[in-house]
Amino acid sequence: MLGFGLANQLILGEALPLETTMGENGTDFSADMVTMRGITEVDFLLRYSKAFAEKTSVAY
């Protein structure tokens, strides 16, 4: 499915607080990396019913 629309016509609300996790990977300074992950759930509302459209059955 592909979605098309006007971002300023979409209202997003946070349904759950953002859950963040941070982890470090490796002990070599030159390859030192930090991984962060954030997970949340959102609710959305369209200001107008025709503000967004979708196309289904799209071949990738």
C-alpha atoms as a PDB file:
ATOM      1  CA  MET A   1       0.000   0.000   0.000  1.00  0.00           C
ATOM      2  CA  LEU A   2       1.198   3.497  -0.813  1.00  0.00           C
ATOM      3  CA  GLY A   3      -0.246   6.554   0.902  1.00  0.00           C
ATOM      4  CA  PHE A   4      -0.451  10.079  -0.473  1.00  0.00           C
ATOM      5  CA  GLY A   5      -1.586  13.189   1.325  1.00  0.00           C
ATOM      6  CA  LEU A   6      -1.022  16.611   2.794  1.00  0.00           C
ATOM      7  CA  ALA A   7       0.970  16.484   6.032  1.00  0.00           C
ATOM      8  CA  ASN A   8      -0.586  19.683   7.397  1.00  0.00           C
ATOM      9  CA  GLN A   9      -4.014  17.986   7.252  1.00  0.00           C
ATOM     10  CA  LEU A  10      -2.912  15.123   9.530  1.00  0.00           C
ATOM     11  CA  ILE A  11      -3.120  15.429  13.314  1.00  0.00           C
ATOM     12  CA  LEU A  12      -0.940  12.991  15.281  1.00  0.00           C
ATOM     13  CA  GLY A  13      -1.349  12.325  18.981  1.00  0.00           C
ATOM     14  CA  GLU A  14       0.902  10.268  21.211  1.00  0.00           C
ATOM     15  CA  ALA A  15      -1.106   7.317  22.572  1.00  0.00           C
ATOM     16  CA  LEU A  16       1.717   5.896  24.708  1.00  0.00           C
ATOM     17  CA  PRO A  17       4.823   7.570  26.125  1.00  0.00           C
ATOM     18  CA  LEU A  18       7.996   7.107  24.068  1.00  0.00           C
ATOM     19  CA  GLU A  19       9.955   4.086  25.313  1.00  0.00           C
ATOM     20  CA  THR A  20      13.664   4.555  24.677  1.00  0.00           C
ATOM     21  CA  THR A  21      16.498   2.039  25.003  1.00  0.00           C
ATOM     22  CA  MET A  22      20.202   2.726  24.558  1.00  0.00           C
ATOM     23  CA  GLY A  23      22.909   0.117  24.197  1.00  0.00           C
ATOM     24  CA  GLU A  24      26.622   0.236  23.495  1.00  0.00           C
ATOM     25  CA  ASN A  25      28.239  -2.209  21.139  1.00  0.00           C
ATOM     26  CA  GLY A  26      31.933  -3.131  21.117  1.00  0.00           C
ATOM     27  CA  THR A  27      34.970  -2.244  23.210  1.00  0.00           C
ATOM     28  CA  ASP A  28      37.231  -0.977  20.383  1.00  0.00           C
ATOM     29  CA  PHE A  29      37.357   2.841  20.488  1.00  0.00           C
ATOM     30  CA  SER A  30      37.528   3.187  16.689  1.00  0.00           C
ATOM     31  CA  ALA A  31      34.402   1.050  16.276  1.00  0.00           C
ATOM     32  CA  ASP A  32      32.549   2.457  19.281  1.00  0.00           C
ATOM     33  CA  MET A  33      28.850   2.715  18.456  1.00  0.00           C
ATOM     34  CA  VAL A  34      25.756   3.624  20.378  1.00  0.00           C
ATOM     35  CA  THR A  35      22.400   2.223  19.341  1.00  0.00           C
ATOM     36  CA  MET A  36      19.192   3.992  20.330  1.00  0.00           C
ATOM     37  CA  ARG A  37      15.683   2.680  19.829  1.00  0.00           C
ATOM     38  CA  GLY A  38      12.416   4.508  20.403  1.00  0.00           C
ATOM     39  CA  ILE A  39       9.005   2.842  20.328  1.00  0.00           C
ATOM     40  CA  THR A  40       5.633   4.531  20.694  1.00  0.00           C
ATOM     41  CA  GLU A  41       2.059   4.296  19.492  1.00  0.00           C
ATOM     42  CA  VAL A  42       0.235   7.200  17.896  1.00  0.00           C
ATOM     43  CA  ASP A  43      -3.342   8.069  17.090  1.00  0.00           C
ATOM     44  CA  PHE A  44      -4.120  10.051  13.976  1.00  0.00           C
ATOM     45  CA  LEU A  45      -7.007  12.125  12.752  1.00  0.00           C
ATOM     46  CA  LEU A  46      -7.591  13.635   9.327  1.00  0.00           C
ATOM     47  CA  ARG A  47      -8.972  17.167   9.200  1.00  0.00           C
ATOM     48  CA  TYR A  48     -10.795  16.327   5.962  1.00  0.00           C
ATOM     49  CA  SER A  49     -11.719  12.854   4.758  1.00  0.00           C
ATOM     50  CA  LYS A  50     -10.223  13.539   1.310  1.00  0.00           C
ATOM     51  CA  ALA A  51      -6.897  14.843   2.644  1.00  0.00           C
ATOM     52  CA  PHE A  52      -5.234  11.438   2.138  1.00  0.00           C
ATOM     53  CA  ALA A  53      -5.561   8.677  -0.438  1.00  0.00           C
ATOM     54  CA  GLU A  54      -4.110   5.203  -0.709  1.00  0.00           C
ATOM     55  CA  LYS A  55      -3.257   2.885  -3.547  1.00  0.00           C
ATOM     56  CA  THR A  56      -3.369  -0.833  -2.882  1.00  0.00           C
ATOM     57  CA  SER A  57      -2.163  -3.819  -4.905  1.00  0.00           C
ATOM     58  CA  VAL A  58       1.123  -2.121  -5.759  1.00  0.00           C
ATOM     59  CA  ALA A  59       3.748  -4.499  -7.168  1.00  0.00           C
ATOM     60  CA  TYR A  60       7.208  -3.904  -5.718  1.00  0.00           C
END
